[in-house]
C-alpha cells in the first residue's frame, strides 16, 4: 500500500477537502456528464432543485421512520 497524497476523485466523485474549516465537498459533475453522454442527453435542459444549504446531517438525527427500503 502506498500513500498517493490527498484524494481528488473517488468512485467518480470529485472530493474537495478544507482542513481549516473541517469540511468535505463531494460533486458528481464528471459522472453525470459521462452518463448524459452515454445516453446521448448532453443537450437536455437542466432544472434547479431547491435544497436547504444550511442543513446539517448527523447520524443521531436519523430515525427509523426516515429510512426507506426499496
PDB file of N, CA and C in Angstrom:
ATOM      1  N   UNK A   1       0.849  -1.161   0.000  1.00  0.00           N
ATOM      2  CA  UNK A   1       0.000   0.000   0.000  1.00  0.00           C
ATOM      3  C   UNK A   1       0.900   1.232   0.000  1.00  0.00           C
ATOM      4  N   UNK A   2       0.503   2.244  -0.755  1.00  0.00           N
ATOM      5  CA  UNK A   2       1.304   3.467  -0.791  1.00  0.00           C
ATOM      6  C   UNK A   2       0.398   4.685  -0.646  1.00  0.00           C
ATOM      7  N   UNK A   3       0.966   5.747  -0.111  1.00  0.00           N
ATOM      8  CA  UNK A   3       0.242   6.996   0.073  1.00  0.00           C
ATOM      9  C   UNK A   3       0.317   7.792  -1.218  1.00  0.00           C
ATOM     10  N   UNK A   4      -0.823   8.024  -1.844  1.00  0.00           N
ATOM     11  CA  UNK A   4      -0.867   8.769  -3.096  1.00  0.00           C
ATOM     12  C   UNK A   4      -1.198  10.237  -2.877  1.00  0.00           C
ATOM     13  N   UNK A   5      -1.187  10.688  -1.631  1.00  0.00           N
ATOM     14  CA  UNK A   5      -1.486  12.084  -1.329  1.00  0.00           C
ATOM     15  C   UNK A   5      -2.980  12.290  -1.124  1.00  0.00           C
ATOM     16  N   UNK A   6      -3.402  13.538  -1.052  1.00  0.00           N
ATOM     17  CA  UNK A   6      -4.827  13.837  -0.830  1.00  0.00           C
ATOM     18  C   UNK A   6      -5.701  13.310  -1.977  1.00  0.00           C
ATOM     19  N   UNK A   7      -6.855  12.806  -1.628  1.00  0.00           N
ATOM     20  CA  UNK A   7      -7.774  12.268  -2.624  1.00  0.00           C
ATOM     21  C   UNK A   7      -8.408  13.421  -3.405  1.00  0.00           C
ATOM     22  N   UNK A   8      -8.535  13.253  -4.724  1.00  0.00           N
ATOM     23  CA  UNK A   8      -9.212  14.272  -5.526  1.00  0.00           C
ATOM     24  C   UNK A   8     -10.447  13.686  -6.211  1.00  0.00           C
ATOM     25  N   UNK A   9     -10.394  12.403  -6.574  1.00  0.00           N
ATOM     26  CA  UNK A   9     -11.551  11.700  -7.133  1.00  0.00           C
ATOM     27  C   UNK A   9     -11.669  10.347  -6.460  1.00  0.00           C
ATOM     28  N   UNK A  10     -12.898   9.954  -6.146  1.00  0.00           N
ATOM     29  CA  UNK A  10     -13.151   8.652  -5.531  1.00  0.00           C
ATOM     30  C   UNK A  10     -14.523   8.171  -5.987  1.00  0.00           C
ATOM     31  N   UNK A  11     -14.583   7.013  -6.614  1.00  0.00           N
ATOM     32  CA  UNK A  11     -15.833   6.447  -7.127  1.00  0.00           C
ATOM     33  C   UNK A  11     -16.590   7.449  -7.996  1.00  0.00           C
ATOM     34  N   UNK A  12     -15.892   8.064  -8.933  1.00  0.00           N
ATOM     35  CA  UNK A  12     -16.455   9.050  -9.855  1.00  0.00           C
ATOM     36  C   UNK A  12     -16.990  10.304  -9.165  1.00  0.00           C
ATOM     37  N   UNK A  13     -16.565  10.578  -7.958  1.00  0.00           N
ATOM     38  CA  UNK A  13     -16.961  11.801  -7.262  1.00  0.00           C
ATOM     39  C   UNK A  13     -15.716  12.651  -7.032  1.00  0.00           C
ATOM     40  N   UNK A  14     -15.843  13.947  -7.313  1.00  0.00           N
ATOM     41  CA  UNK A  14     -14.749  14.873  -7.031  1.00  0.00           C
ATOM     42  C   UNK A  14     -14.798  15.224  -5.553  1.00  0.00           C
ATOM     43  N   UNK A  15     -13.657  15.180  -4.903  1.00  0.00           N
ATOM     44  CA  UNK A  15     -13.570  15.423  -3.465  1.00  0.00           C
ATOM     45  C   UNK A  15     -12.754  16.686  -3.217  1.00  0.00           C
ATOM     46  N   UNK A  16     -13.348  17.646  -2.477  1.00  0.00           N
ATOM     47  CA  UNK A  16     -12.627  18.852  -2.072  1.00  0.00           C
ATOM     48  C   UNK A  16     -12.614  18.878  -0.548  1.00  0.00           C
ATOM     49  N   UNK A  17     -11.425  18.944   0.019  1.00  0.00           N
ATOM     50  CA  UNK A  17     -11.284  18.995   1.469  1.00  0.00           C
ATOM     51  C   UNK A  17     -10.786  20.369   1.882  1.00  0.00           C
ATOM     52  N   UNK A  18     -11.387  20.916   2.932  1.00  0.00           N
ATOM     53  CA  UNK A  18     -10.912  22.156   3.522  1.00  0.00           C
ATOM     54  C   UNK A  18     -10.595  21.838   4.974  1.00  0.00           C
ATOM     55  N   UNK A  19      -9.336  21.607   5.237  1.00  0.00           N
ATOM     56  CA  UNK A  19      -8.933  21.181   6.583  1.00  0.00           C
ATOM     57  C   UNK A  19      -9.097  22.283   7.631  1.00  0.00           C
ATOM     58  N   UNK A  20      -8.966  23.541   7.230  1.00  0.00           N
ATOM     59  CA  UNK A  20      -9.106  24.621   8.206  1.00  0.00           C
ATOM     60  C   UNK A  20     -10.558  24.778   8.652  1.00  0.00           C
ATOM     61  N   UNK A  21     -11.513  24.554   7.720  1.00  0.00           N
ATOM     62  CA  UNK A  21     -12.935  24.651   8.075  1.00  0.00           C
ATOM     63  C   UNK A  21     -13.543  23.301   8.424  1.00  0.00           C
ATOM     64  N   UNK A  22     -12.731  22.236   8.325  1.00  0.00           N
ATOM     65  CA  UNK A  22     -13.176  20.869   8.623  1.00  0.00           C
ATOM     66  C   UNK A  22     -14.380  20.477   7.773  1.00  0.00           C
ATOM     67  N   UNK A  23     -14.295  20.717   6.457  1.00  0.00           N
ATOM     68  CA  UNK A  23     -15.392  20.377   5.556  1.00  0.00           C
ATOM     69  C   UNK A  23     -14.897  19.505   4.408  1.00  0.00           C
ATOM     70  N   UNK A  24     -15.816  18.714   3.868  1.00  0.00           N
ATOM     71  CA  UNK A  24     -15.564  17.911   2.679  1.00  0.00           C
ATOM     72  C   UNK A  24     -16.717  18.158   1.722  1.00  0.00           C
ATOM     73  N   UNK A  25     -16.408  18.460   0.472  1.00  0.00           N
ATOM     74  CA  UNK A  25     -17.425  18.699  -0.549  1.00  0.00           C
ATOM     75  C   UNK A  25     -17.296  17.623  -1.621  1.00  0.00           C
ATOM     76  N   UNK A  26     -18.397  16.929  -1.914  1.00  0.00           N
ATOM     77  CA  UNK A  26     -18.416  15.893  -2.942  1.00  0.00           C
ATOM     78  C   UNK A  26     -19.276  16.371  -4.107  1.00  0.00           C
ATOM     79  N   UNK A  27     -18.763  16.272  -5.332  1.00  0.00           N
ATOM     80  CA  UNK A  27     -19.555  16.620  -6.506  1.00  0.00           C
ATOM     81  C   UNK A  27     -19.471  15.480  -7.511  1.00  0.00           C
ATOM     82  N   UNK A  28     -20.538  15.328  -8.299  1.00  0.00           N
ATOM     83  CA  UNK A  28     -20.590  14.251  -9.273  1.00  0.00           C
ATOM     84  C   UNK A  28     -20.727  14.777 -10.702  1.00  0.00           C
ATOM     85  N   UNK A  29     -20.251  15.965 -10.974  1.00  0.00           N
ATOM     86  CA  UNK A  29     -20.387  16.586 -12.281  1.00  0.00           C
ATOM     87  C   UNK A  29     -19.795  15.712 -13.386  1.00  0.00           C
ATOM     88  N   UNK A  30     -18.587  15.207 -13.215  1.00  0.00           N
ATOM     89  CA  UNK A  30     -17.947  14.381 -14.248  1.00  0.00           C
ATOM     90  C   UNK A  30     -18.745  13.107 -14.487  1.00  0.00           C
ATOM     91  N   UNK A  31     -19.226  12.483 -13.420  1.00  0.00           N
ATOM     92  CA  UNK A  31     -20.019  11.252 -13.551  1.00  0.00           C
ATOM     93  C   UNK A  31     -21.332  11.532 -14.278  1.00  0.00           C
ATOM     94  N   UNK A  32     -21.987  12.626 -13.921  1.00  0.00           N
ATOM     95  CA  UNK A  32     -23.258  12.990 -14.558  1.00  0.00           C
ATOM     96  C   UNK A  32     -23.042  13.252 -16.045  1.00  0.00           C
ATOM     97  N   UNK A  33     -21.989  13.972 -16.391  1.00  0.00           N
ATOM     98  CA  UNK A  33     -21.694  14.232 -17.801  1.00  0.00           C
ATOM     99  C   UNK A  33     -21.411  12.940 -18.558  1.00  0.00           C
ATOM    100  N   UNK A  34     -20.729  11.992 -17.906  1.00  0.00           N
ATOM    101  CA  UNK A  34     -20.447  10.697 -18.530  1.00  0.00           C
ATOM    102  C   UNK A  34     -21.746   9.936 -18.805  1.00  0.00           C
ATOM    103  N   UNK A  35     -22.673   9.947 -17.872  1.00  0.00           N
ATOM    104  CA  UNK A  35     -23.967   9.277 -18.047  1.00  0.00           C
ATOM    105  C   UNK A  35     -24.770   9.973 -19.148  1.00  0.00           C
ATOM    106  N   UNK A  36     -24.798  11.301 -19.135  1.00  0.00           N
ATOM    107  CA  UNK A  36     -25.523  12.040 -20.172  1.00  0.00           C
ATOM    108  C   UNK A  36     -24.965  11.737 -21.560  1.00  0.00           C
ATOM    109  N   UNK A  37     -23.659  11.643 -21.666  1.00  0.00           N
ATOM    110  CA  UNK A  37     -23.039  11.334 -22.948  1.00  0.00           C
ATOM    111  C   UNK A  37     -23.383   9.904 -23.370  1.00  0.00           C
ATOM    112  N   UNK A  38     -23.358   8.971 -22.438  1.00  0.00           N
ATOM    113  CA  UNK A  38     -23.677   7.578 -22.742  1.00  0.00           C
ATOM    114  C   UNK A  38     -25.081   7.450 -23.329  1.00  0.00           C
ATOM    115  N   UNK A  39     -26.040   8.196 -22.773  1.00  0.00           N
ATOM    116  CA  UNK A  39     -27.428   8.108 -23.223  1.00  0.00           C
ATOM    117  C   UNK A  39     -27.809   9.235 -24.193  1.00  0.00           C
ATOM    118  N   UNK A  40     -26.782   9.900 -24.744  1.00  0.00           N
ATOM    119  CA  UNK A  40     -26.964  10.948 -25.743  1.00  0.00           C
ATOM    120  C   UNK A  40     -27.960  12.018 -25.274  1.00  0.00           C
ATOM    121  N   UNK A  41     -27.760  12.496 -24.064  1.00  0.00           N
ATOM    122  CA  UNK A  41     -28.641  13.503 -23.474  1.00  0.00           C
ATOM    123  C   UNK A  41     -27.895  14.787 -23.113  1.00  0.00           C
ATOM    124  N   UNK A  42     -26.759  15.035 -23.761  1.00  0.00           N
ATOM    125  CA  UNK A  42     -25.966  16.230 -23.442  1.00  0.00           C
ATOM    126  C   UNK A  42     -26.715  17.522 -23.746  1.00  0.00           C
ATOM    127  N   UNK A  43     -27.688  17.482 -24.636  1.00  0.00           N
ATOM    128  CA  UNK A  43     -28.458  18.676 -24.987  1.00  0.00           C
ATOM    129  C   UNK A  43     -29.692  18.842 -24.100  1.00  0.00           C
ATOM    130  N   UNK A  44     -29.889  17.960 -23.144  1.00  0.00           N
ATOM    131  CA  UNK A  44     -31.057  18.038 -22.257  1.00  0.00           C
ATOM    132  C   UNK A  44     -31.017  19.337 -21.448  1.00  0.00           C
ATOM    133  N   UNK A  45     -32.188  19.855 -21.113  1.00  0.00           N
ATOM    134  CA  UNK A  45     -32.295  21.090 -20.342  1.00  0.00           C
ATOM    135  C   UNK A  45     -32.271  20.742 -18.851  1.00  0.00           C
ATOM    136  N   UNK A  46     -31.407  21.391 -18.101  1.00  0.00           N
ATOM    137  CA  UNK A  46     -31.319  21.127 -16.665  1.00  0.00           C
ATOM    138  C   UNK A  46     -32.317  21.995 -15.897  1.00  0.00           C
ATOM    139  N   UNK A  47     -32.640  21.565 -14.681  1.00  0.00           N
ATOM    140  CA  UNK A  47     -33.575  22.298 -13.831  1.00  0.00           C
ATOM    141  C   UNK A  47     -32.964  22.392 -12.435  1.00  0.00           C
ATOM    142  N   UNK A  48     -33.148  23.540 -11.803  1.00  0.00           N
ATOM    143  CA  UNK A  48     -32.674  23.706 -10.435  1.00  0.00           C
ATOM    144  C   UNK A  48     -33.584  22.961  -9.471  1.00  0.00           C
ATOM    145  N   UNK A  49     -32.982  22.385  -8.434  1.00  0.00           N
ATOM    146  CA  UNK A  49     -33.729  21.701  -7.391  1.00  0.00           C
ATOM    147  C   UNK A  49     -33.453  22.419  -6.081  1.00  0.00           C
ATOM    148  N   UNK A  50     -34.501  22.814  -5.398  1.00  0.00           N
ATOM    149  CA  UNK A  50     -34.330  23.520  -4.127  1.00  0.00           C
ATOM    150  C   UNK A  50     -33.675  22.611  -3.096  1.00  0.00           C
ATOM    151  N   UNK A  51     -32.815  23.207  -2.299  1.00  0.00           N
ATOM    152  CA  UNK A  51     -32.120  22.453  -1.259  1.00  0.00           C
ATOM    153  C   UNK A  51     -31.766  23.396  -0.124  1.00  0.00           C
ATOM    154  N   UNK A  52     -31.887  22.938   1.080  1.00  0.00           N
ATOM    155  CA  UNK A  52     -31.510  23.712   2.247  1.00  0.00           C
ATOM    156  C   UNK A  52     -30.003  23.572   2.443  1.00  0.00           C
ATOM    157  N   UNK A  53     -29.249  24.609   2.102  1.00  0.00           N
ATOM    158  CA  UNK A  53     -27.800  24.542   2.200  1.00  0.00           C
ATOM    159  C   UNK A  53     -27.309  24.618   3.645  1.00  0.00           C
ATOM    160  N   UNK A  54     -28.180  24.992   4.580  1.00  0.00           N
ATOM    161  CA  UNK A  54     -27.785  25.073   5.983  1.00  0.00           C
ATOM    162  C   UNK A  54     -28.076  23.792   6.738  1.00  0.00           C
ATOM    163  N   UNK A  55     -28.555  22.768   6.051  1.00  0.00           N
ATOM    164  CA  UNK A  55     -28.889  21.510   6.704  1.00  0.00           C
ATOM    165  C   UNK A  55     -27.615  20.840   7.206  1.00  0.00           C
ATOM    166  N   UNK A  56     -27.678  20.334   8.408  1.00  0.00           N
ATOM    167  CA  UNK A  56     -26.564  19.602   8.995  1.00  0.00           C
ATOM    168  C   UNK A  56     -27.037  18.169   9.192  1.00  0.00           C
ATOM    169  N   UNK A  57     -26.383  17.237   8.511  1.00  0.00           N
ATOM    170  CA  UNK A  57     -26.764  15.834   8.601  1.00  0.00           C
ATOM    171  C   UNK A  57     -25.888  15.144   9.626  1.00  0.00           C
ATOM    172  N   UNK A  58     -26.529  14.540  10.596  1.00  0.00           N
ATOM    173  CA  UNK A  58     -25.803  13.847  11.646  1.00  0.00           C
ATOM    174  C   UNK A  58     -26.424  12.473  11.843  1.00  0.00           C
ATOM    175  N   UNK A  59     -25.614  11.513  12.163  1.00  0.00           N
ATOM    176  CA  UNK A  59     -26.086  10.152  12.361  1.00  0.00           C
ATOM    177  C   UNK A  59     -27.174  10.105  13.426  1.00  0.00           C
ATOM    178  N   UNK A  60     -27.051  10.901  14.471  1.00  0.00           N
ATOM    179  CA  UNK A  60     -28.006  10.897  15.571  1.00  0.00           C
ATOM    180  C   UNK A  60     -29.382  11.416  15.151  1.00  0.00           C
ATOM    181  N   UNK A  61     -29.432  12.215  14.061  1.00  0.00           N
ATOM    182  CA  UNK A  61     -30.697  12.818  13.658  1.00  0.00           C
ATOM    183  C   UNK A  61     -31.547  11.898  12.786  1.00  0.00           C
ATOM    184  N   UNK A  62     -31.021  10.745  12.401  1.00  0.00           N
ATOM    185  CA  UNK A  62     -31.760   9.819  11.550  1.00  0.00           C
ATOM    186  C   UNK A  62     -32.562   8.861  12.421  1.00  0.00           C
ATOM    187  N   UNK A  63     -33.849   8.768  12.136  1.00  0.00           N
ATOM    188  CA  UNK A  63     -34.706   7.839  12.854  1.00  0.00           C
ATOM    189  C   UNK A  63     -35.106   6.704  11.921  1.00  0.00           C
ATOM    190  N   UNK A  64     -35.667   5.663  12.456  1.00  0.00           N
ATOM    191  CA  UNK A  64     -36.100   4.532  11.647  1.00  0.00           C
ATOM    192  C   UNK A  64     -37.147   4.969  10.618  1.00  0.00           C
ATOM    193  N   UNK A  65     -37.978   5.965  10.973  1.00  0.00           N
ATOM    194  CA  UNK A  65     -39.018   6.459  10.065  1.00  0.00           C
ATOM    195  C   UNK A  65     -38.406   7.154   8.848  1.00  0.00           C
ATOM    196  N   UNK A  66     -37.165   7.648   8.968  1.00  0.00           N
ATOM    197  CA  UNK A  66     -36.500   8.333   7.853  1.00  0.00           C
ATOM    198  C   UNK A  66     -35.943   7.360   6.817  1.00  0.00           C
ATOM    199  N   UNK A  67     -35.838   6.090   7.151  1.00  0.00           N
ATOM    200  CA  UNK A  67     -35.220   5.103   6.276  1.00  0.00           C
ATOM    201  C   UNK A  67     -36.266   4.462   5.391  1.00  0.00           C
ATOM    202  N   UNK A  68     -36.035   4.526   4.075  1.00  0.00           N
ATOM    203  CA  UNK A  68     -36.947   3.916   3.121  1.00  0.00           C
ATOM    204  C   UNK A  68     -36.228   2.753   2.452  1.00  0.00           C
ATOM    205  N   UNK A  69     -36.835   1.598   2.499  1.00  0.00           N
ATOM    206  CA  UNK A  69     -36.258   0.421   1.857  1.00  0.00           C
ATOM    207  C   UNK A  69     -36.949   0.203   0.530  1.00  0.00           C
ATOM    208  N   UNK A  70     -36.146   0.093  -0.514  1.00  0.00           N
ATOM    209  CA  UNK A  70     -36.707  -0.102  -1.851  1.00  0.00           C
ATOM    210  C   UNK A  70     -36.487  -1.531  -2.281  1.00  0.00           C
TER     211      UNK A  70
END
